[in-house]
PDB file of N, CA and C in Angstrom:
ATOM      1  N   UNK A   1      -3.379  -2.091  -7.792  1.00  0.00           N
ATOM      2  CA  UNK A   1      -2.607  -1.204  -7.272  1.00  0.00           C
ATOM      3  C   UNK A   1      -1.296  -1.794  -7.480  1.00  0.00           C
ATOM      4  N   UNK A   2      -0.683  -1.485  -7.500  1.00  0.00           N
ATOM      5  CA  UNK A   2       1.112  -2.296  -8.362  1.00  0.00           C
ATOM      6  C   UNK A   2       1.643  -2.301  -6.454  1.00  0.00           C
ATOM      7  N   UNK A   3       2.747  -3.239  -6.245  1.00  0.00           N
ATOM      8  CA  UNK A   3       3.258  -3.545  -5.074  1.00  0.00           C
ATOM      9  C   UNK A   3       4.945  -4.655  -5.689  1.00  0.00           C
ATOM     10  N   UNK A   4       5.022  -4.307  -4.595  1.00  0.00           N
ATOM     11  CA  UNK A   4       6.650  -5.295  -4.609  1.00  0.00           C
ATOM     12  C   UNK A   4       6.799  -6.757  -3.623  1.00  0.00           C
ATOM     13  N   UNK A   5       5.589  -7.560  -3.736  1.00  0.00           N
ATOM     14  CA  UNK A   5       5.514  -8.254  -3.003  1.00  0.00           C
ATOM     15  C   UNK A   5       5.622  -9.453  -3.981  1.00  0.00           C
ATOM     16  N   UNK A   6       6.077  -9.264  -4.807  1.00  0.00           N
ATOM     17  CA  UNK A   6       6.463 -10.603  -5.601  1.00  0.00           C
ATOM     18  C   UNK A   6       8.336 -10.579  -5.337  1.00  0.00           C
ATOM     19  N   UNK A   7       8.936  -9.286  -5.857  1.00  0.00           N
ATOM     20  CA  UNK A   7      10.337  -8.600  -5.318  1.00  0.00           C
ATOM     21  C   UNK A   7      10.659  -9.074  -3.993  1.00  0.00           C
ATOM     22  N   UNK A   8      10.316  -8.776  -2.982  1.00  0.00           N
ATOM     23  CA  UNK A   8      10.514  -8.882  -1.804  1.00  0.00           C
ATOM     24  C   UNK A   8       9.944 -10.525  -1.498  1.00  0.00           C
ATOM     25  N   UNK A   9       9.179 -11.328  -1.898  1.00  0.00           N
ATOM     26  CA  UNK A   9       9.512 -12.596  -1.242  1.00  0.00           C
ATOM     27  C   UNK A   9      10.201 -13.591  -2.203  1.00  0.00           C
ATOM     28  N   UNK A  10      10.736 -12.705  -3.406  1.00  0.00           N
ATOM     29  CA  UNK A  10      12.202 -13.581  -4.314  1.00  0.00           C
ATOM     30  C   UNK A  10      12.904 -13.349  -3.453  1.00  0.00           C
ATOM     31  N   UNK A  11      13.128 -12.058  -2.772  1.00  0.00           N
ATOM     32  CA  UNK A  11      14.354 -11.648  -2.038  1.00  0.00           C
ATOM     33  C   UNK A  11      14.344 -12.310  -0.732  1.00  0.00           C
ATOM     34  N   UNK A  12      13.727 -12.843   0.020  1.00  0.00           N
ATOM     35  CA  UNK A  12      13.789 -13.780   0.956  1.00  0.00           C
ATOM     36  C   UNK A  12      13.606 -15.247   0.753  1.00  0.00           C
ATOM     37  N   UNK A  13      13.343 -15.629  -0.440  1.00  0.00           N
ATOM     38  CA  UNK A  13      13.531 -17.043  -1.218  1.00  0.00           C
ATOM     39  C   UNK A  13      12.274 -18.155  -0.655  1.00  0.00           C
ATOM     40  N   UNK A  14      11.014 -17.003  -0.231  1.00  0.00           N
ATOM     41  CA  UNK A  14      10.130 -18.005  -0.607  1.00  0.00           C
ATOM     42  C   UNK A  14       9.594 -18.180  -1.796  1.00  0.00           C
ATOM     43  N   UNK A  15       8.302 -18.961  -1.756  1.00  0.00           N
ATOM     44  CA  UNK A  15       7.619 -19.728  -2.371  1.00  0.00           C
ATOM     45  C   UNK A  15       6.371 -19.011  -2.236  1.00  0.00           C
ATOM     46  N   UNK A  16       5.271 -18.768  -3.580  1.00  0.00           N
ATOM     47  CA  UNK A  16       4.267 -18.487  -3.174  1.00  0.00           C
ATOM     48  C   UNK A  16       2.920 -19.065  -2.425  1.00  0.00           C
ATOM     49  N   UNK A  17       3.224 -20.212  -2.355  1.00  0.00           N
ATOM     50  CA  UNK A  17       2.583 -21.278  -1.634  1.00  0.00           C
ATOM     51  C   UNK A  17       3.354 -20.746   0.016  1.00  0.00           C
ATOM     52  N   UNK A  18       4.699 -20.672   0.310  1.00  0.00           N
ATOM     53  CA  UNK A  18       5.013 -20.203   1.463  1.00  0.00           C
ATOM     54  C   UNK A  18       4.738 -19.154   2.225  1.00  0.00           C
ATOM     55  N   UNK A  19       4.621 -18.387   1.336  1.00  0.00           N
ATOM     56  CA  UNK A  19       3.753 -17.245   1.738  1.00  0.00           C
ATOM     57  C   UNK A  19       2.566 -17.094   1.817  1.00  0.00           C
ATOM     58  N   UNK A  20       1.569 -17.867   1.173  1.00  0.00           N
ATOM     59  CA  UNK A  20       0.500 -18.001   1.260  1.00  0.00           C
ATOM     60  C   UNK A  20      -0.104 -18.769   2.955  1.00  0.00           C
ATOM     61  N   UNK A  21       0.881 -19.595   3.063  1.00  0.00           N
ATOM     62  CA  UNK A  21       1.018 -19.864   4.557  1.00  0.00           C
ATOM     63  C   UNK A  21       1.210 -19.333   5.596  1.00  0.00           C
ATOM     64  N   UNK A  22       2.273 -18.600   5.383  1.00  0.00           N
ATOM     65  CA  UNK A  22       2.654 -17.298   6.406  1.00  0.00           C
ATOM     66  C   UNK A  22       1.523 -16.263   6.674  1.00  0.00           C
ATOM     67  N   UNK A  23       0.698 -16.178   5.454  1.00  0.00           N
ATOM     68  CA  UNK A  23      -0.585 -15.173   5.935  1.00  0.00           C
ATOM     69  C   UNK A  23      -1.706 -15.637   6.010  1.00  0.00           C
ATOM     70  N   UNK A  24      -2.030 -17.021   5.793  1.00  0.00           N
ATOM     71  CA  UNK A  24      -3.172 -17.495   5.928  1.00  0.00           C
ATOM     72  C   UNK A  24      -4.269 -17.287   4.669  1.00  0.00           C
ATOM     73  N   UNK A  25      -3.420 -17.436   3.067  1.00  0.00           N
ATOM     74  CA  UNK A  25      -4.077 -17.911   2.064  1.00  0.00           C
ATOM     75  C   UNK A  25      -3.733 -18.584   1.055  1.00  0.00           C
ATOM     76  N   UNK A  26      -4.026 -18.662  -0.082  1.00  0.00           N
ATOM     77  CA  UNK A  26      -3.768 -19.866  -0.899  1.00  0.00           C
ATOM     78  C   UNK A  26      -2.632 -19.623  -1.442  1.00  0.00           C
ATOM     79  N   UNK A  27      -2.034 -20.252  -2.296  1.00  0.00           N
ATOM     80  CA  UNK A  27      -0.966 -19.614  -3.426  1.00  0.00           C
ATOM     81  C   UNK A  27      -1.332 -18.698  -4.254  1.00  0.00           C
ATOM     82  N   UNK A  28      -2.317 -19.065  -4.707  1.00  0.00           N
ATOM     83  CA  UNK A  28      -3.423 -18.738  -6.087  1.00  0.00           C
ATOM     84  C   UNK A  28      -3.683 -17.158  -5.263  1.00  0.00           C
ATOM     85  N   UNK A  29      -4.249 -16.462  -4.044  1.00  0.00           N
ATOM     86  CA  UNK A  29      -4.549 -15.533  -3.746  1.00  0.00           C
ATOM     87  C   UNK A  29      -3.065 -14.701  -3.721  1.00  0.00           C
ATOM     88  N   UNK A  30      -1.893 -15.116  -3.566  1.00  0.00           N
ATOM     89  CA  UNK A  30      -0.757 -14.501  -3.376  1.00  0.00           C
ATOM     90  C   UNK A  30      -0.750 -14.284  -5.056  1.00  0.00           C
ATOM     91  N   UNK A  31      -0.252 -15.129  -5.414  1.00  0.00           N
ATOM     92  CA  UNK A  31       0.240 -15.341  -7.254  1.00  0.00           C
ATOM     93  C   UNK A  31      -1.330 -13.416  -7.387  1.00  0.00           C
ATOM     94  N   UNK A  32      -2.528 -13.957  -7.290  1.00  0.00           N
ATOM     95  CA  UNK A  32      -3.076 -12.536  -8.009  1.00  0.00           C
ATOM     96  C   UNK A  32      -2.734 -11.364  -7.015  1.00  0.00           C
ATOM     97  N   UNK A  33      -2.280 -11.338  -5.489  1.00  0.00           N
ATOM     98  CA  UNK A  33      -1.727  -9.665  -5.436  1.00  0.00           C
ATOM     99  C   UNK A  33      -0.610 -10.056  -6.541  1.00  0.00           C
ATOM    100  N   UNK A  34       0.281 -10.410  -6.391  1.00  0.00           N
ATOM    101  CA  UNK A  34       1.347  -9.785  -7.171  1.00  0.00           C
ATOM    102  C   UNK A  34       1.341  -9.491  -8.616  1.00  0.00           C
ATOM    103  N   UNK A  35       0.248 -10.257  -9.114  1.00  0.00           N
ATOM    104  CA  UNK A  35       0.369  -9.932 -10.239  1.00  0.00           C
ATOM    105  C   UNK A  35      -0.547  -8.255 -10.622  1.00  0.00           C
ATOM    106  N   UNK A  36      -1.341  -7.805 -10.308  1.00  0.00           N
ATOM    107  CA  UNK A  36      -2.221  -6.864  -9.433  1.00  0.00           C
ATOM    108  C   UNK A  36      -4.228  -7.432 -10.344  1.00  0.00           C
ATOM    109  N   UNK A  37      -4.015  -8.214  -9.966  1.00  0.00           N
ATOM    110  CA  UNK A  37      -5.532  -9.203 -10.758  1.00  0.00           C
ATOM    111  C   UNK A  37      -6.599  -8.967  -9.053  1.00  0.00           C
ATOM    112  N   UNK A  38      -5.877  -9.297  -7.694  1.00  0.00           N
ATOM    113  CA  UNK A  38      -6.784  -8.668  -6.920  1.00  0.00           C
ATOM    114  C   UNK A  38      -6.079  -7.713  -5.598  1.00  0.00           C
ATOM    115  N   UNK A  39      -6.603  -6.936  -5.219  1.00  0.00           N
ATOM    116  CA  UNK A  39      -6.093  -6.217  -4.633  1.00  0.00           C
ATOM    117  C   UNK A  39      -6.539  -6.814  -2.921  1.00  0.00           C
ATOM    118  N   UNK A  40      -5.645  -6.618  -1.792  1.00  0.00           N
ATOM    119  CA  UNK A  40      -5.996  -7.514  -1.046  1.00  0.00           C
ATOM    120  C   UNK A  40      -6.152  -6.682   0.193  1.00  0.00           C
ATOM    121  N   UNK A  41      -7.036  -6.960   0.807  1.00  0.00           N
ATOM    122  CA  UNK A  41      -8.090  -6.316   2.393  1.00  0.00           C
ATOM    123  C   UNK A  41      -6.511  -5.779   2.866  1.00  0.00           C
ATOM    124  N   UNK A  42      -7.157  -4.993   3.310  1.00  0.00           N
ATOM    125  CA  UNK A  42      -6.321  -4.046   4.683  1.00  0.00           C
ATOM    126  C   UNK A  42      -5.780  -4.845   6.169  1.00  0.00           C
ATOM    127  N   UNK A  43      -6.214  -6.235   5.836  1.00  0.00           N
ATOM    128  CA  UNK A  43      -5.682  -7.322   7.203  1.00  0.00           C
ATOM    129  C   UNK A  43      -4.515  -8.446   6.190  1.00  0.00           C
ATOM    130  N   UNK A  44      -4.848  -8.494   4.992  1.00  0.00           N
ATOM    131  CA  UNK A  44      -4.490  -9.135   4.464  1.00  0.00           C
ATOM    132  C   UNK A  44      -2.404  -8.415   4.003  1.00  0.00           C
ATOM    133  N   UNK A  45      -2.940  -7.097   3.080  1.00  0.00           N
ATOM    134  CA  UNK A  45      -1.717  -6.244   3.204  1.00  0.00           C
ATOM    135  C   UNK A  45      -1.184  -5.693   4.507  1.00  0.00           C
ATOM    136  N   UNK A  46      -1.361  -6.155   5.595  1.00  0.00           N
ATOM    137  CA  UNK A  46      -0.739  -5.702   6.961  1.00  0.00           C
ATOM    138  C   UNK A  46      -0.180  -7.212   6.890  1.00  0.00           C
ATOM    139  N   UNK A  47      -1.103  -8.286   7.143  1.00  0.00           N
ATOM    140  CA  UNK A  47       0.030  -9.295   7.157  1.00  0.00           C
ATOM    141  C   UNK A  47       1.397  -9.981   5.985  1.00  0.00           C
ATOM    142  N   UNK A  48       1.055  -9.414   5.084  1.00  0.00           N
ATOM    143  CA  UNK A  48       1.918  -9.455   3.584  1.00  0.00           C
ATOM    144  C   UNK A  48       3.404  -8.131   4.265  1.00  0.00           C
ATOM    145  N   UNK A  49       2.769  -6.959   4.733  1.00  0.00           N
ATOM    146  CA  UNK A  49       4.069  -6.401   5.090  1.00  0.00           C
ATOM    147  C   UNK A  49       4.482  -7.033   6.015  1.00  0.00           C
ATOM    148  N   UNK A  50       3.836  -7.600   6.978  1.00  0.00           N
ATOM    149  CA  UNK A  50       4.518  -7.831   8.828  1.00  0.00           C
ATOM    150  C   UNK A  50       5.467  -9.061   8.070  1.00  0.00           C
ATOM    151  N   UNK A  51       5.256 -10.047   7.422  1.00  0.00           N
ATOM    152  CA  UNK A  51       6.460 -10.960   6.648  1.00  0.00           C
ATOM    153  C   UNK A  51       7.475 -10.332   6.705  1.00  0.00           C
ATOM    154  N   UNK A  52       7.431  -9.081   5.667  1.00  0.00           N
ATOM    155  CA  UNK A  52       8.423  -8.959   5.307  1.00  0.00           C
ATOM    156  C   UNK A  52       9.394  -7.634   6.371  1.00  0.00           C
ATOM    157  N   UNK A  53       8.597  -7.424   7.504  1.00  0.00           N
ATOM    158  CA  UNK A  53       9.112  -6.313   8.213  1.00  0.00           C
ATOM    159  C   UNK A  53       9.136  -5.038   8.000  1.00  0.00           C
ATOM    160  N   UNK A  54       8.198  -4.671   6.748  1.00  0.00           N
ATOM    161  CA  UNK A  54       7.912  -3.251   6.305  1.00  0.00           C
ATOM    162  C   UNK A  54       6.648  -2.868   6.541  1.00  0.00           C
ATOM    163  N   UNK A  55       6.426  -1.493   6.333  1.00  0.00           N
ATOM    164  CA  UNK A  55       4.901  -0.867   6.603  1.00  0.00           C
ATOM    165  C   UNK A  55       4.112  -1.314   4.724  1.00  0.00           C
ATOM    166  N   UNK A  56       3.226  -1.170   5.136  1.00  0.00           N
ATOM    167  CA  UNK A  56       2.170  -1.025   4.047  1.00  0.00           C
ATOM    168  C   UNK A  56       2.311  -0.497   3.180  1.00  0.00           C
ATOM    169  N   UNK A  57       2.272   0.997   3.169  1.00  0.00           N
ATOM    170  CA  UNK A  57       3.046   1.585   2.525  1.00  0.00           C
ATOM    171  C   UNK A  57       4.624   1.282   1.352  1.00  0.00           C
ATOM    172  N   UNK A  58       4.923   0.584   2.213  1.00  0.00           N
ATOM    173  CA  UNK A  58       6.079   0.101   1.970  1.00  0.00           C
ATOM    174  C   UNK A  58       5.954  -1.313   0.442  1.00  0.00           C
ATOM    175  N   UNK A  59       5.269  -1.909   0.782  1.00  0.00           N
ATOM    176  CA  UNK A  59       5.621  -2.873   0.057  1.00  0.00           C
ATOM    177  C   UNK A  59       4.083  -2.900  -1.008  1.00  0.00           C
ATOM    178  N   UNK A  60       2.983  -1.868  -0.975  1.00  0.00           N
ATOM    179  CA  UNK A  60       1.810  -1.330  -1.966  1.00  0.00           C
ATOM    180  C   UNK A  60       1.977  -0.232  -1.887  1.00  0.00           C
ATOM    181  N   UNK A  61       1.950   0.231  -3.096  1.00  0.00           N
ATOM    182  CA  UNK A  61       2.365   1.542  -3.924  1.00  0.00           C
ATOM    183  C   UNK A  61       1.000   1.922  -4.261  1.00  0.00           C
ATOM    184  N   UNK A  62       0.565   3.109  -3.722  1.00  0.00           N
ATOM    185  CA  UNK A  62      -0.716   3.750  -3.899  1.00  0.00           C
ATOM    186  C   UNK A  62      -0.545   4.785  -4.609  1.00  0.00           C
ATOM    187  N   UNK A  63      -1.589   5.057  -6.023  1.00  0.00           N
ATOM    188  CA  UNK A  63      -1.266   5.420  -6.940  1.00  0.00           C
ATOM    189  C   UNK A  63      -1.880   7.119  -6.213  1.00  0.00           C
ATOM    190  N   UNK A  64      -1.705   8.462  -6.405  1.00  0.00           N
ATOM    191  CA  UNK A  64      -1.922   9.738  -6.239  1.00  0.00           C
ATOM    192  C   UNK A  64      -3.648   9.863  -6.588  1.00  0.00           C
ATOM    193  N   UNK A  65      -4.546   9.770  -5.974  1.00  0.00           N
ATOM    194  CA  UNK A  65      -6.352   9.937  -6.458  1.00  0.00           C
ATOM    195  C   UNK A  65      -6.515  11.026  -6.801  1.00  0.00           C
ATOM    196  N   UNK A  66      -7.117  11.258  -7.484  1.00  0.00           N
ATOM    197  CA  UNK A  66      -7.811  12.488  -7.207  1.00  0.00           C
ATOM    198  C   UNK A  66      -8.304  13.345  -6.013  1.00  0.00           C
ATOM    199  N   UNK A  67      -8.965  12.671  -5.359  1.00  0.00           N
ATOM    200  CA  UNK A  67      -9.660  13.114  -4.041  1.00  0.00           C
ATOM    201  C   UNK A  67      -9.064  13.358  -2.883  1.00  0.00           C
ATOM    202  N   UNK A  68      -7.539  12.780  -3.326  1.00  0.00           N
ATOM    203  CA  UNK A  68      -6.841  13.026  -1.753  1.00  0.00           C
ATOM    204  C   UNK A  68      -5.629  14.455  -2.656  1.00  0.00           C
ATOM    205  N   UNK A  69      -5.943  14.581  -3.924  1.00  0.00           N
ATOM    206  CA  UNK A  69      -5.367  15.836  -4.509  1.00  0.00           C
ATOM    207  C   UNK A  69      -6.116  16.552  -4.153  1.00  0.00           C
ATOM    208  N   UNK A  70      -7.420  17.014  -4.414  1.00  0.00           N
ATOM    209  CA  UNK A  70      -8.659  17.640  -3.761  1.00  0.00           C
ATOM    210  C   UNK A  70      -8.275  18.162  -2.253  1.00  0.00           C
ATOM    211  N   UNK A  71      -8.202  16.982  -1.659  1.00  0.00           N
ATOM    212  CA  UNK A  71      -8.377  17.546  -0.109  1.00  0.00           C
ATOM    213  C   UNK A  71      -6.663  18.068   0.453  1.00  0.00           C
ATOM    214  N   UNK A  72      -5.898  17.981   0.185  1.00  0.00           N
ATOM    215  CA  UNK A  72      -4.178  18.442  -0.152  1.00  0.00           C
ATOM    216  C   UNK A  72      -5.026  20.083  -0.875  1.00  0.00           C
ATOM    217  N   UNK A  73      -5.105  20.335  -2.005  1.00  0.00           N
ATOM    218  CA  UNK A  73      -5.442  21.486  -2.280  1.00  0.00           C
ATOM    219  C   UNK A  73      -6.236  22.111  -1.476  1.00  0.00           C
ATOM    220  N   UNK A  74      -6.883  21.724  -0.797  1.00  0.00           N
ATOM    221  CA  UNK A  74      -8.587  22.361  -0.411  1.00  0.00           C
ATOM    222  C   UNK A  74      -7.416  22.876   0.945  1.00  0.00           C
ATOM    223  N   UNK A  75      -6.563  21.938   2.434  1.00  0.00           N
ATOM    224  CA  UNK A  75      -6.259  22.040   3.170  1.00  0.00           C
ATOM    225  C   UNK A  75      -4.839  23.395   2.996  1.00  0.00           C
ATOM    226  N   UNK A  76      -4.156  23.241   1.804  1.00  0.00           N
ATOM    227  CA  UNK A  76      -3.048  24.819   0.933  1.00  0.00           C
ATOM    228  C   UNK A  76      -4.272  26.000   1.045  1.00  0.00           C
ATOM    229  N   UNK A  77      -5.639  25.508   0.100  1.00  0.00           N
ATOM    230  CA  UNK A  77      -5.844  27.112   0.536  1.00  0.00           C
ATOM    231  C   UNK A  77      -6.656  27.719   1.848  1.00  0.00           C
ATOM    232  N   UNK A  78      -7.011  26.724   2.769  1.00  0.00           N
ATOM    233  CA  UNK A  78      -7.376  27.207   4.275  1.00  0.00           C
ATOM    234  C   UNK A  78      -5.987  27.388   4.444  1.00  0.00           C
ATOM    235  N   UNK A  79      -4.877  26.924   4.689  1.00  0.00           N
ATOM    236  CA  UNK A  79      -3.812  27.401   5.616  1.00  0.00           C
ATOM    237  C   UNK A  79      -3.565  28.827   4.857  1.00  0.00           C
ATOM    238  N   UNK A  80      -3.444  28.796   3.550  1.00  0.00           N
ATOM    239  CA  UNK A  80      -3.164  30.381   2.827  1.00  0.00           C
ATOM    240  C   UNK A  80      -3.779  31.451   3.598  1.00  0.00           C
ATOM    241  N   UNK A  81      -5.119  31.149   3.229  1.00  0.00           N
ATOM    242  CA  UNK A  81      -5.830  32.271   3.524  1.00  0.00           C
ATOM    243  C   UNK A  81      -5.718  32.578   5.128  1.00  0.00           C
ATOM    244  N   UNK A  82      -5.817  31.147   5.912  1.00  0.00           N
ATOM    245  CA  UNK A  82      -5.164  31.678   7.624  1.00  0.00           C
ATOM    246  C   UNK A  82      -4.213  32.936   7.653  1.00  0.00           C
ATOM    247  N   UNK A  83      -2.887  32.292   6.903  1.00  0.00           N
ATOM    248  CA  UNK A  83      -1.815  33.054   6.895  1.00  0.00           C
ATOM    249  C   UNK A  83      -1.981  34.530   6.976  1.00  0.00           C
ATOM    250  N   UNK A  84      -2.807  34.278   5.120  1.00  0.00           N
ATOM    251  CA  UNK A  84      -2.571  35.692   4.782  1.00  0.00           C
ATOM    252  C   UNK A  84      -3.800  36.677   5.563  1.00  0.00           C
ATOM    253  N   UNK A  85      -4.500  36.415   6.505  1.00  0.00           N
ATOM    254  CA  UNK A  85      -5.746  36.595   7.462  1.00  0.00           C
ATOM    255  C   UNK A  85      -4.546  37.364   8.600  1.00  0.00           C
ATOM    256  N   UNK A  86      -3.769  36.282   8.995  1.00  0.00           N
ATOM    257  CA  UNK A  86      -2.765  36.649  10.345  1.00  0.00           C
ATOM    258  C   UNK A  86      -2.069  37.707   9.860  1.00  0.00           C
ATOM    259  N   UNK A  87      -1.606  37.916   8.826  1.00  0.00           N
ATOM    260  CA  UNK A  87      -0.567  38.898   8.035  1.00  0.00           C
ATOM    261  C   UNK A  87      -1.339  40.254   8.218  1.00  0.00           C
ATOM    262  N   UNK A  88      -2.401  40.268   8.133  1.00  0.00           N
ATOM    263  CA  UNK A  88      -3.652  41.513   8.151  1.00  0.00           C
ATOM    264  C   UNK A  88      -3.428  42.238   9.407  1.00  0.00           C
TER     265      UNK A  88
END
């Protein structure tokens, strides 16, 4: 998962250790999140986002999943079918 943690942290002038203390994790954990070696729990992602005043989605970049794409296609198909049935 890609993220903007390093960019936001550096913009605020925080070290990894300082961000770790603010979020209750080690410097090593922050480094692992920044480098993509570790995907944080939803709670850690929330805490990191809160430190910067952003939503989780603004800090962590979620790739489009195949499952999500299928669900959206299914909803479009259902909405299209419903709209076609209503037009009759």
